[in-house]
PDB file of N, CA and C in Angstrom:
ATOM      1  N   ASP A   1       0.541  -1.041   0.119  1.00  0.00           N
ATOM      2  CA  ASP A   1       0.023   0.075  -0.267  1.00  0.00           C
ATOM      3  C   ASP A   1       1.225   1.417   0.042  1.00  0.00           C
ATOM      4  N   ARG A   2       0.421   2.669  -0.763  1.00  0.00           N
ATOM      5  CA  ARG A   2       1.117   3.462  -0.933  1.00  0.00           C
ATOM      6  C   ARG A   2       1.642   4.443   0.259  1.00  0.00           C
ATOM      7  N   THR A   3       0.508   4.137   0.972  1.00  0.00           N
ATOM      8  CA  THR A   3       0.877   5.300   2.127  1.00  0.00           C
ATOM      9  C   THR A   3       1.667   4.757   3.038  1.00  0.00           C
ATOM     10  N   GLY A   4       1.238   3.246   3.678  1.00  0.00           N
ATOM     11  CA  GLY A   4       2.565   2.659   4.085  1.00  0.00           C
ATOM     12  C   GLY A   4       4.172   2.384   4.169  1.00  0.00           C
ATOM     13  N   VAL A   5       4.286   2.340   2.453  1.00  0.00           N
ATOM     14  CA  VAL A   5       5.283   3.070   1.926  1.00  0.00           C
ATOM     15  C   VAL A   5       6.157   4.157   2.127  1.00  0.00           C
ATOM     16  N   ALA A   6       5.519   5.289   1.842  1.00  0.00           N
ATOM     17  CA  ALA A   6       5.067   6.602   2.019  1.00  0.00           C
ATOM     18  C   ALA A   6       5.860   7.039   3.518  1.00  0.00           C
ATOM     19  N   CYS A   7       4.585   6.063   4.917  1.00  0.00           N
ATOM     20  CA  CYS A   7       5.421   6.664   5.540  1.00  0.00           C
ATOM     21  C   CYS A   7       6.593   5.668   6.589  1.00  0.00           C
ATOM     22  N   ALA A   8       7.058   4.540   5.797  1.00  0.00           N
ATOM     23  CA  ALA A   8       7.690   3.903   6.291  1.00  0.00           C
ATOM     24  C   ALA A   8       9.331   4.491   5.542  1.00  0.00           C
ATOM     25  N   LEU A   9       9.145   5.362   4.614  1.00  0.00           N
ATOM     26  CA  LEU A   9      10.228   5.646   3.784  1.00  0.00           C
ATOM     27  C   LEU A   9      10.506   7.166   4.547  1.00  0.00           C
ATOM     28  N   LEU A  10       9.859   7.634   5.236  1.00  0.00           N
ATOM     29  CA  LEU A  10       9.545   9.472   5.752  1.00  0.00           C
ATOM     30  C   LEU A  10      10.466   8.529   7.092  1.00  0.00           C
ATOM     31  N   ALA A  11       9.701   7.552   7.916  1.00  0.00           N
ATOM     32  CA  ALA A  11      10.312   7.067   9.475  1.00  0.00           C
ATOM     33  C   ALA A  11      11.820   6.677   9.129  1.00  0.00           C
ATOM     34  N   LEU A  12      12.247   5.848   8.056  1.00  0.00           N
ATOM     35  CA  LEU A  12      13.455   5.766   7.825  1.00  0.00           C
ATOM     36  C   LEU A  12      14.104   6.930   7.571  1.00  0.00           C
ATOM     37  N   ALA A  13      13.744   7.832   6.874  1.00  0.00           N
ATOM     38  CA  ALA A  13      14.463   8.811   6.817  1.00  0.00           C
ATOM     39  C   ALA A  13      14.744   9.960   8.103  1.00  0.00           C
ATOM     40  N   LEU A  14      14.196   9.926   9.021  1.00  0.00           N
ATOM     41  CA  LEU A  14      13.990  10.521  10.265  1.00  0.00           C
ATOM     42  C   LEU A  14      15.130   9.753  11.008  1.00  0.00           C
ATOM     43  N   GLY A  15      15.554   8.235  10.910  1.00  0.00           N
ATOM     44  CA  GLY A  15      16.266   7.390  11.726  1.00  0.00           C
ATOM     45  C   GLY A  15      15.816   5.877  12.132  1.00  0.00           C
ATOM     46  N   ALA A  16      14.326   6.099  12.151  1.00  0.00           N
ATOM     47  CA  ALA A  16      13.743   4.755  12.721  1.00  0.00           C
ATOM     48  C   ALA A  16      14.335   3.221  12.201  1.00  0.00           C
ATOM     49  N   ASP A  17      13.929   2.578  12.819  1.00  0.00           N
ATOM     50  CA  ASP A  17      14.463   1.284  12.250  1.00  0.00           C
ATOM     51  C   ASP A  17      13.440  -0.016  11.914  1.00  0.00           C
ATOM     52  N   ASP A  18      13.936  -0.811  11.330  1.00  0.00           N
ATOM     53  CA  ASP A  18      13.258  -1.814  10.447  1.00  0.00           C
ATOM     54  C   ASP A  18      12.177  -2.511  11.077  1.00  0.00           C
ATOM     55  N   ALA A  19      12.528  -2.447  12.230  1.00  0.00           N
ATOM     56  CA  ALA A  19      11.613  -3.346  13.580  1.00  0.00           C
ATOM     57  C   ALA A  19      10.507  -2.824  13.809  1.00  0.00           C
ATOM     58  N   ASP A  20      10.823  -1.266  13.961  1.00  0.00           N
ATOM     59  CA  ASP A  20       9.290  -0.364  14.388  1.00  0.00           C
ATOM     60  C   ASP A  20       8.693   0.028  13.303  1.00  0.00           C
ATOM     61  N   ILE A  21       9.116   0.146  12.240  1.00  0.00           N
ATOM     62  CA  ILE A  21       8.041   0.275  10.720  1.00  0.00           C
ATOM     63  C   ILE A  21       7.238  -0.823  10.425  1.00  0.00           C
ATOM     64  N   VAL A  22       7.917  -2.245  10.815  1.00  0.00           N
ATOM     65  CA  VAL A  22       7.383  -3.364  10.422  1.00  0.00           C
ATOM     66  C   VAL A  22       5.941  -3.702  11.512  1.00  0.00           C
ATOM     67  N   LYS A  23       6.854  -3.367  12.953  1.00  0.00           N
ATOM     68  CA  LYS A  23       5.493  -3.243  13.716  1.00  0.00           C
ATOM     69  C   LYS A  23       4.313  -2.722  13.560  1.00  0.00           C
ATOM     70  N   GLY A  24       4.983  -1.022  13.471  1.00  0.00           N
ATOM     71  CA  GLY A  24       3.565  -0.032  13.092  1.00  0.00           C
ATOM     72  C   GLY A  24       2.887  -0.467  11.874  1.00  0.00           C
ATOM     73  N   TYR A  25       2.943  -1.227  11.047  1.00  0.00           N
ATOM     74  CA  TYR A  25       2.533  -1.644   9.165  1.00  0.00           C
ATOM     75  C   TYR A  25       1.903  -2.738   9.818  1.00  0.00           C
ATOM     76  N   GLN A  26       1.810  -3.500  10.616  1.00  0.00           N
ATOM     77  CA  GLN A  26       1.072  -4.491  10.736  1.00  0.00           C
ATOM     78  C   GLN A  26      -0.002  -4.066  11.931  1.00  0.00           C
ATOM     79  N   MET A  27       0.402  -3.220  12.771  1.00  0.00           N
ATOM     80  CA  MET A  27      -0.780  -2.869  13.431  1.00  0.00           C
ATOM     81  C   MET A  27      -1.910  -2.316  12.702  1.00  0.00           C
ATOM     82  N   SER A  28      -1.548  -1.485  11.362  1.00  0.00           N
ATOM     83  CA  SER A  28      -2.420  -0.533  11.002  1.00  0.00           C
ATOM     84  C   SER A  28      -3.702  -2.319  10.624  1.00  0.00           C
ATOM     85  N   GLU A  29      -3.010  -3.056  10.484  1.00  0.00           N
ATOM     86  CA  GLU A  29      -4.071  -3.704   9.504  1.00  0.00           C
ATOM     87  C   GLU A  29      -5.058  -4.031  11.276  1.00  0.00           C
ATOM     88  N   GLU A  30      -4.812  -3.985  12.328  1.00  0.00           N
ATOM     89  CA  GLU A  30      -6.126  -4.127  13.314  1.00  0.00           C
ATOM     90  C   GLU A  30      -7.168  -2.910  12.917  1.00  0.00           C
ATOM     91  N   LEU A  31      -6.926  -1.498  12.614  1.00  0.00           N
ATOM     92  CA  LEU A  31      -7.570  -1.048  12.052  1.00  0.00           C
ATOM     93  C   LEU A  31      -8.676  -0.741  10.853  1.00  0.00           C
ATOM     94  N   ILE A  32      -8.396  -2.027   9.569  1.00  0.00           N
ATOM     95  CA  ILE A  32      -8.791  -2.177   9.027  1.00  0.00           C
ATOM     96  C   ILE A  32     -10.571  -2.506   9.236  1.00  0.00           C
ATOM     97  N   PRO A  33     -11.451  -1.708   8.239  1.00  0.00           N
ATOM     98  CA  PRO A  33     -12.882  -2.645   9.029  1.00  0.00           C
ATOM     99  C   PRO A  33     -13.276  -3.690   8.574  1.00  0.00           C
ATOM    100  N   ILE A  34     -13.590  -4.880   8.979  1.00  0.00           N
ATOM    101  CA  ILE A  34     -13.417  -5.831   8.876  1.00  0.00           C
ATOM    102  C   ILE A  34     -14.893  -6.403   7.454  1.00  0.00           C
ATOM    103  N   SER A  35     -15.582  -5.109   7.446  1.00  0.00           N
ATOM    104  CA  SER A  35     -16.275  -5.328   5.760  1.00  0.00           C
ATOM    105  C   SER A  35     -15.278  -4.911   4.722  1.00  0.00           C
ATOM    106  N   VAL A  36     -14.838  -3.994   4.882  1.00  0.00           N
ATOM    107  CA  VAL A  36     -13.409  -4.266   3.804  1.00  0.00           C
ATOM    108  C   VAL A  36     -12.430  -5.215   3.742  1.00  0.00           C
ATOM    109  N   LYS A  37     -12.122  -6.228   4.883  1.00  0.00           N
ATOM    110  CA  LYS A  37     -11.397  -7.384   4.555  1.00  0.00           C
ATOM    111  C   LYS A  37     -12.138  -8.324   4.162  1.00  0.00           C
ATOM    112  N   VAL A  38     -13.420  -8.377   4.586  1.00  0.00           N
ATOM    113  CA  VAL A  38     -14.142  -9.662   3.831  1.00  0.00           C
ATOM    114  C   VAL A  38     -14.208  -9.658   1.910  1.00  0.00           C
ATOM    115  N   ALA A  39     -14.695  -7.897   1.905  1.00  0.00           N
ATOM    116  CA  ALA A  39     -14.563  -7.513   0.351  1.00  0.00           C
ATOM    117  C   ALA A  39     -13.184  -7.891  -0.349  1.00  0.00           C
ATOM    118  N   SER A  40     -12.218  -7.928   0.693  1.00  0.00           N
ATOM    119  CA  SER A  40     -10.980  -8.183   0.296  1.00  0.00           C
ATOM    120  C   SER A  40     -11.094  -9.991  -0.540  1.00  0.00           C
ATOM    121  N   ILE A  41     -11.181 -10.437   0.597  1.00  0.00           N
ATOM    122  CA  ILE A  41     -10.867 -11.922   0.622  1.00  0.00           C
ATOM    123  C   ILE A  41     -11.805 -12.441  -0.413  1.00  0.00           C
ATOM    124  N   LYS A  42     -13.021 -11.861  -0.502  1.00  0.00           N
ATOM    125  CA  LYS A  42     -13.864 -12.372  -1.961  1.00  0.00           C
ATOM    126  C   LYS A  42     -13.569 -11.515  -3.189  1.00  0.00           C
ATOM    127  N   LYS A  43     -12.226 -10.550  -3.275  1.00  0.00           N
ATOM    128  CA  LYS A  43     -11.665 -10.355  -4.447  1.00  0.00           C
ATOM    129  C   LYS A  43     -12.948  -8.927  -4.768  1.00  0.00           C
ATOM    130  N   GLU A  44     -13.696  -8.992  -4.044  1.00  0.00           N
ATOM    131  CA  GLU A  44     -14.408  -7.813  -4.392  1.00  0.00           C
ATOM    132  C   GLU A  44     -14.024  -6.150  -5.104  1.00  0.00           C
ATOM    133  N   VAL A  45     -14.554  -5.778  -6.191  1.00  0.00           N
ATOM    134  CA  VAL A  45     -14.300  -4.629  -6.524  1.00  0.00           C
ATOM    135  C   VAL A  45     -14.703  -3.453  -6.559  1.00  0.00           C
ATOM    136  N   VAL A  46     -14.769  -2.485  -5.241  1.00  0.00           N
ATOM    137  CA  VAL A  46     -15.167  -1.444  -5.215  1.00  0.00           C
ATOM    138  C   VAL A  46     -14.868   0.129  -5.983  1.00  0.00           C
ATOM    139  N   LEU A  47     -16.032   0.521  -6.597  1.00  0.00           N
ATOM    140  CA  LEU A  47     -15.844   1.231  -7.647  1.00  0.00           C
ATOM    141  C   LEU A  47     -13.730   1.692  -8.887  1.00  0.00           C
ATOM    142  N   GLY A  48     -14.299   0.296  -8.931  1.00  0.00           N
ATOM    143  CA  GLY A  48     -13.099   0.244 -10.277  1.00  0.00           C
ATOM    144  C   GLY A  48     -11.925  -0.300  -9.418  1.00  0.00           C
ATOM    145  N   VAL A  49     -11.485  -0.092  -7.527  1.00  0.00           N
ATOM    146  CA  VAL A  49     -10.279  -0.581  -7.216  1.00  0.00           C
ATOM    147  C   VAL A  49     -10.459  -1.390  -6.261  1.00  0.00           C
ATOM    148  N   GLU A  50      -9.706  -2.606  -6.523  1.00  0.00           N
ATOM    149  CA  GLU A  50      -9.691  -3.871  -5.593  1.00  0.00           C
ATOM    150  C   GLU A  50      -8.735  -3.390  -4.342  1.00  0.00           C
ATOM    151  N   PHE A  51      -9.355  -3.706  -3.400  1.00  0.00           N
ATOM    152  CA  PHE A  51      -8.890  -3.126  -1.762  1.00  0.00           C
ATOM    153  C   PHE A  51      -7.965  -4.430  -1.334  1.00  0.00           C
ATOM    154  N   SER A  52      -6.801  -4.042  -1.015  1.00  0.00           N
ATOM    155  CA  SER A  52      -6.129  -5.079  -0.010  1.00  0.00           C
ATOM    156  C   SER A  52      -6.445  -4.789   1.556  1.00  0.00           C
ATOM    157  N   SER A  53      -6.356  -5.475   2.186  1.00  0.00           N
ATOM    158  CA  SER A  53      -6.269  -5.535   3.569  1.00  0.00           C
ATOM    159  C   SER A  53      -5.776  -5.915   4.269  1.00  0.00           C
ATOM    160  N   CYS A  54      -4.931  -6.649   3.583  1.00  0.00           N
ATOM    161  CA  CYS A  54      -3.748  -7.039   4.947  1.00  0.00           C
ATOM    162  C   CYS A  54      -2.585  -6.095   5.152  1.00  0.00           C
ATOM    163  N   ALA A  55      -1.848  -6.196   5.992  1.00  0.00           N
ATOM    164  CA  ALA A  55      -0.372  -5.566   6.481  1.00  0.00           C
ATOM    165  C   ALA A  55       0.140  -6.503   7.167  1.00  0.00           C
ATOM    166  N   PRO A  56       1.046  -7.251   6.254  1.00  0.00           N
ATOM    167  CA  PRO A  56       1.299  -8.467   7.099  1.00  0.00           C
ATOM    168  C   PRO A  56       3.177  -8.057   7.348  1.00  0.00           C
ATOM    169  N   ALA A  57       3.439  -8.265   8.160  1.00  0.00           N
ATOM    170  CA  ALA A  57       5.123  -7.630   8.633  1.00  0.00           C
ATOM    171  C   ALA A  57       6.351  -7.907   7.465  1.00  0.00           C
ATOM    172  N   PRO A  58       5.934  -9.058   6.498  1.00  0.00           N
ATOM    173  CA  PRO A  58       6.553  -9.665   5.657  1.00  0.00           C
ATOM    174  C   PRO A  58       6.598  -8.932   4.643  1.00  0.00           C
ATOM    175  N   VAL A  59       5.547  -8.597   3.832  1.00  0.00           N
ATOM    176  CA  VAL A  59       5.516  -7.193   2.875  1.00  0.00           C
ATOM    177  C   VAL A  59       6.078  -6.224   2.841  1.00  0.00           C
ATOM    178  N   MET A  60       6.096  -5.381   4.265  1.00  0.00           N
ATOM    179  CA  MET A  60       6.930  -4.400   4.575  1.00  0.00           C
ATOM    180  C   MET A  60       8.050  -4.835   4.341  1.00  0.00           C
ATOM    181  N   GLN A  61       8.777  -5.745   5.425  1.00  0.00           N
ATOM    182  CA  GLN A  61       9.875  -6.202   5.458  1.00  0.00           C
ATOM    183  C   GLN A  61      10.580  -6.534   4.112  1.00  0.00           C
ATOM    184  N   TYR A  62       9.945  -6.953   3.096  1.00  0.00           N
ATOM    185  CA  TYR A  62      10.185  -7.302   1.340  1.00  0.00           C
ATOM    186  C   TYR A  62      10.625  -6.326   1.309  1.00  0.00           C
ATOM    187  N   VAL A  63       9.485  -5.024   0.992  1.00  0.00           N
ATOM    188  CA  VAL A  63       9.925  -3.975   0.658  1.00  0.00           C
ATOM    189  C   VAL A  63      11.176  -3.072   1.083  1.00  0.00           C
ATOM    190  N   LEU A  64      11.557  -2.933   2.464  1.00  0.00           N
ATOM    191  CA  LEU A  64      12.304  -2.312   2.630  1.00  0.00           C
ATOM    192  C   LEU A  64      13.730  -2.639   2.080  1.00  0.00           C
ATOM    193  N   ASN A  65      13.729  -4.584   2.339  1.00  0.00           N
ATOM    194  CA  ASN A  65      15.246  -5.150   1.573  1.00  0.00           C
ATOM    195  C   ASN A  65      15.448  -4.454   0.175  1.00  0.00           C
ATOM    196  N   TRP A  66      14.414  -4.830  -0.707  1.00  0.00           N
ATOM    197  CA  TRP A  66      14.071  -4.703  -2.255  1.00  0.00           C
ATOM    198  C   TRP A  66      14.759  -3.083  -2.486  1.00  0.00           C
ATOM    199  N   ILE A  67      13.975  -2.132  -1.421  1.00  0.00           N
ATOM    200  CA  ILE A  67      15.156  -0.663  -1.779  1.00  0.00           C
ATOM    201  C   ILE A  67      15.871  -0.728  -1.486  1.00  0.00           C
ATOM    202  N   ARG A  68      16.541  -1.131  -0.316  1.00  0.00           N
ATOM    203  CA  ARG A  68      17.917  -1.108   0.039  1.00  0.00           C
ATOM    204  C   ARG A  68      18.501  -2.362  -0.911  1.00  0.00           C
ATOM    205  N   SER A  69      18.306  -3.263  -1.902  1.00  0.00           N
ATOM    206  CA  SER A  69      19.064  -4.004  -2.407  1.00  0.00           C
ATOM    207  C   SER A  69      19.433  -3.071  -3.929  1.00  0.00           C
ATOM    208  N   ARG A  70      18.432  -2.939  -3.994  1.00  0.00           N
ATOM    209  CA  ARG A  70      18.300  -1.698  -5.575  1.00  0.00           C
ATOM    210  C   ARG A  70      19.083  -0.102  -5.298  1.00  0.00           C
ATOM    211  N   TYR A  71      18.665   0.411  -4.498  1.00  0.00           N
ATOM    212  CA  TYR A  71      19.498   1.744  -4.281  1.00  0.00           C
ATOM    213  C   TYR A  71      20.132   1.880  -3.389  1.00  0.00           C
ATOM    214  N   GLY A  72      20.964   0.911  -2.407  1.00  0.00           N
ATOM    215  CA  GLY A  72      21.753   0.989  -1.669  1.00  0.00           C
ATOM    216  C   GLY A  72      20.936   1.599  -0.061  1.00  0.00           C
ATOM    217  N   THR A  73      20.824   2.459   0.425  1.00  0.00           N
ATOM    218  CA  THR A  73      19.889   2.937   1.383  1.00  0.00           C
ATOM    219  C   THR A  73      18.932   3.732   1.088  1.00  0.00           C
ATOM    220  N   VAL A  74      18.015   3.880   1.952  1.00  0.00           N
ATOM    221  CA  VAL A  74      16.825   4.546   1.915  1.00  0.00           C
ATOM    222  C   VAL A  74      17.207   5.914   1.847  1.00  0.00           C
ATOM    223  N   GLU A  75      17.996   7.018   2.235  1.00  0.00           N
ATOM    224  CA  GLU A  75      18.855   7.909   1.673  1.00  0.00           C
ATOM    225  C   GLU A  75      18.620   8.160  -0.099  1.00  0.00           C
ATOM    226  N   GLU A  76      19.669   6.914  -0.481  1.00  0.00           N
ATOM    227  CA  GLU A  76      20.053   7.400  -1.641  1.00  0.00           C
ATOM    228  C   GLU A  76      19.123   7.277  -2.622  1.00  0.00           C
ATOM    229  N   TYR A  77      17.824   6.457  -2.320  1.00  0.00           N
ATOM    230  CA  TYR A  77      16.279   5.837  -2.974  1.00  0.00           C
ATOM    231  C   TYR A  77      15.456   7.642  -3.018  1.00  0.00           C
ATOM    232  N   LEU A  78      15.542   8.352  -1.917  1.00  0.00           N
ATOM    233  CA  LEU A  78      15.026   9.321  -1.889  1.00  0.00           C
ATOM    234  C   LEU A  78      15.801  10.587  -2.469  1.00  0.00           C
ATOM    235  N   VAL A  79      17.057  10.715  -2.576  1.00  0.00           N
ATOM    236  CA  VAL A  79      17.557  11.423  -3.337  1.00  0.00           C
ATOM    237  C   VAL A  79      17.760  11.229  -4.794  1.00  0.00           C
ATOM    238  N   GLY A  80      17.627   9.492  -5.138  1.00  0.00           N
ATOM    239  CA  GLY A  80      18.264   9.356  -6.468  1.00  0.00           C
ATOM    240  C   GLY A  80      16.597   9.314  -7.015  1.00  0.00           C
ATOM    241  N   ARG A  81      15.821   8.041  -6.738  1.00  0.00           N
ATOM    242  CA  ARG A  81      14.889   8.173  -7.518  1.00  0.00           C
ATOM    243  C   ARG A  81      13.032   8.886  -7.107  1.00  0.00           C
ATOM    244  N   ALA A  82      13.862   9.187  -5.945  1.00  0.00           N
ATOM    245  CA  ALA A  82      12.239   9.965  -5.365  1.00  0.00           C
ATOM    246  C   ALA A  82      12.405  11.728  -5.647  1.00  0.00           C
ATOM    247  N   GLY A  83      13.739  11.880  -5.824  1.00  0.00           N
ATOM    248  CA  GLY A  83      14.049  13.491  -6.102  1.00  0.00           C
ATOM    249  C   GLY A  83      14.329  14.503  -5.276  1.00  0.00           C
ATOM    250  N   LEU A  84      14.346  13.863  -4.052  1.00  0.00           N
ATOM    251  CA  LEU A  84      14.433  15.215  -3.192  1.00  0.00           C
ATOM    252  C   LEU A  84      15.760  15.242  -3.452  1.00  0.00           C
ATOM    253  N   SER A  85      16.613  16.498  -2.366  1.00  0.00           N
ATOM    254  CA  SER A  85      18.392  16.439  -2.347  1.00  0.00           C
ATOM    255  C   SER A  85      18.236  16.306  -0.960  1.00  0.00           C
ATOM    256  N   MET A  86      19.614  16.108  -0.257  1.00  0.00           N
ATOM    257  CA  MET A  86      20.401  16.395   0.821  1.00  0.00           C
ATOM    258  C   MET A  86      19.468  17.303   1.863  1.00  0.00           C
ATOM    259  N   GLU A  87      19.196  18.922   1.042  1.00  0.00           N
ATOM    260  CA  GLU A  87      18.777  19.461   1.684  1.00  0.00           C
ATOM    261  C   GLU A  87      17.706  19.413   2.164  1.00  0.00           C
ATOM    262  N   ASP A  88      16.868  18.607   1.022  1.00  0.00           N
ATOM    263  CA  ASP A  88      15.129  18.218   1.574  1.00  0.00           C
ATOM    264  C   ASP A  88      15.390  17.446   2.624  1.00  0.00           C
ATOM    265  N   LEU A  89      16.268  16.490   3.254  1.00  0.00           N
ATOM    266  CA  LEU A  89      16.271  15.956   4.177  1.00  0.00           C
ATOM    267  C   LEU A  89      16.764  16.644   4.951  1.00  0.00           C
ATOM    268  N   THR A  90      17.781  16.833   5.082  1.00  0.00           N
ATOM    269  CA  THR A  90      18.306  17.960   5.958  1.00  0.00           C
ATOM    270  C   THR A  90      16.711  18.653   6.819  1.00  0.00           C
ATOM    271  N   ARG A  91      16.264  19.612   6.010  1.00  0.00           N
ATOM    272  CA  ARG A  91      15.407  20.287   6.618  1.00  0.00           C
ATOM    273  C   ARG A  91      14.171  19.725   6.838  1.00  0.00           C
ATOM    274  N   LEU A  92      13.729  18.581   6.493  1.00  0.00           N
ATOM    275  CA  LEU A  92      12.394  17.559   7.377  1.00  0.00           C
ATOM    276  C   LEU A  92      13.140  17.544   8.694  1.00  0.00           C
ATOM    277  N   ARG A  93      14.522  16.627   8.513  1.00  0.00           N
ATOM    278  CA  ARG A  93      14.459  16.518  10.214  1.00  0.00           C
ATOM    279  C   ARG A  93      14.895  17.746  10.875  1.00  0.00           C
ATOM    280  N   GLN A  94      14.877  18.862  10.022  1.00  0.00           N
ATOM    281  CA  GLN A  94      14.582  20.387  11.418  1.00  0.00           C
ATOM    282  C   GLN A  94      12.901  20.825  11.389  1.00  0.00           C
ATOM    283  N   VAL A  95      12.417  20.298  10.610  1.00  0.00           N
ATOM    284  CA  VAL A  95      10.992  20.778  10.765  1.00  0.00           C
ATOM    285  C   VAL A  95      10.651  19.920  12.022  1.00  0.00           C
ATOM    286  N   VAL A  96      10.652  18.791  11.888  1.00  0.00           N
ATOM    287  CA  VAL A  96       9.794  17.360  12.529  1.00  0.00           C
ATOM    288  C   VAL A  96      11.033  17.414  13.669  1.00  0.00           C
ATOM    289  N   GLY A  97      11.962  18.400  13.894  1.00  0.00           N
ATOM    290  CA  GLY A  97      12.928  18.486  14.901  1.00  0.00           C
ATOM    291  C   GLY A  97      13.584  17.046  15.903  1.00  0.00           C
ATOM    292  N   THR A  98      13.875  16.162  14.762  1.00  0.00           N
ATOM    293  CA  THR A  98      15.043  15.010  15.075  1.00  0.00           C
ATOM    294  C   THR A  98      15.774  15.194  14.484  1.00  0.00           C
ATOM    295  N   THR A  99      16.478  14.030  15.260  1.00  0.00           N
ATOM    296  CA  THR A  99      17.621  14.010  14.465  1.00  0.00           C
ATOM    297  C   THR A  99      17.449  12.099  14.140  1.00  0.00           C
ATOM    298  N   PRO A 100      18.316  11.735  13.292  1.00  0.00           N
ATOM    299  CA  PRO A 100      18.059  10.390  13.215  1.00  0.00           C
ATOM    300  C   PRO A 100      18.282   9.021  14.801  1.00  0.00           C
ATOM    301  N   SER A 101      18.580   9.335  15.460  1.00  0.00           N
ATOM    302  CA  SER A 101      18.776   9.190  16.959  1.00  0.00           C
ATOM    303  C   SER A 101      17.426   9.218  17.761  1.00  0.00           C
ATOM    304  N   GLN A 102      16.675  10.454  17.689  1.00  0.00           N
ATOM    305  CA  GLN A 102      15.768  10.568  18.239  1.00  0.00           C
ATOM    306  C   GLN A 102      14.031  10.356  17.607  1.00  0.00           C
ATOM    307  N   VAL A 103      14.279   9.553  16.854  1.00  0.00           N
ATOM    308  CA  VAL A 103      13.230   8.767  16.721  1.00  0.00           C
ATOM    309  C   VAL A 103      12.198   8.329  17.720  1.00  0.00           C
ATOM    310  N   MET A 104      11.003   8.549  18.016  1.00  0.00           N
ATOM    311  CA  MET A 104       9.944   7.681  18.500  1.00  0.00           C
ATOM    312  C   MET A 104       9.697   6.598  18.125  1.00  0.00           C
ATOM    313  N   LEU A 105       9.529   5.883  19.075  1.00  0.00           N
ATOM    314  CA  LEU A 105       9.359   4.389  18.159  1.00  0.00           C
ATOM    315  C   LEU A 105       7.691   4.313  18.338  1.00  0.00           C
ATOM    316  N   VAL A 106       7.294   2.920  17.723  1.00  0.00           N
ATOM    317  CA  VAL A 106       6.078   2.849  17.123  1.00  0.00           C
ATOM    318  C   VAL A 106       5.045   2.851  18.472  1.00  0.00           C
ATOM    319  N   ASP A 107       5.194   2.769  19.726  1.00  0.00           N
ATOM    320  CA  ASP A 107       4.644   2.605  20.776  1.00  0.00           C
ATOM    321  C   ASP A 107       4.706   3.798  21.618  1.00  0.00           C
ATOM    322  N   GLY A 108       5.073   4.667  21.141  1.00  0.00           N
ATOM    323  CA  GLY A 108       5.533   5.713  22.339  1.00  0.00           C
ATOM    324  C   GLY A 108       6.567   5.936  22.559  1.00  0.00           C
ATOM    325  N   GLN A 109       7.315   4.931  22.831  1.00  0.00           N
ATOM    326  CA  GLN A 109       8.814   4.608  24.193  1.00  0.00           C
ATOM    327  C   GLN A 109       9.616   5.822  23.386  1.00  0.00           C
TER     328      GLN A 109
END
């Protein structure tokens, strides 16, 4: 899911680790309404879009591994493929008020 990947990339750019990102991604599955899950299991299409109702941890870990295997690091992906500059990443960290070592974990610790 694009939103989950975008959030993961943002969290990684801010210094979160894979374990926290995967945990947060999987936790989001609990918030998906049962009606959407049933529709997805039946592979129903709503308004021309097939919904995915699962957020399994292995999927996010696979995506993170794929990005690194293809681009080296998340920063290299964001700067190379996504078109951000290192100045953009620095500014993002300043606006959020963190350095990579200060990112809050998914469960608030």
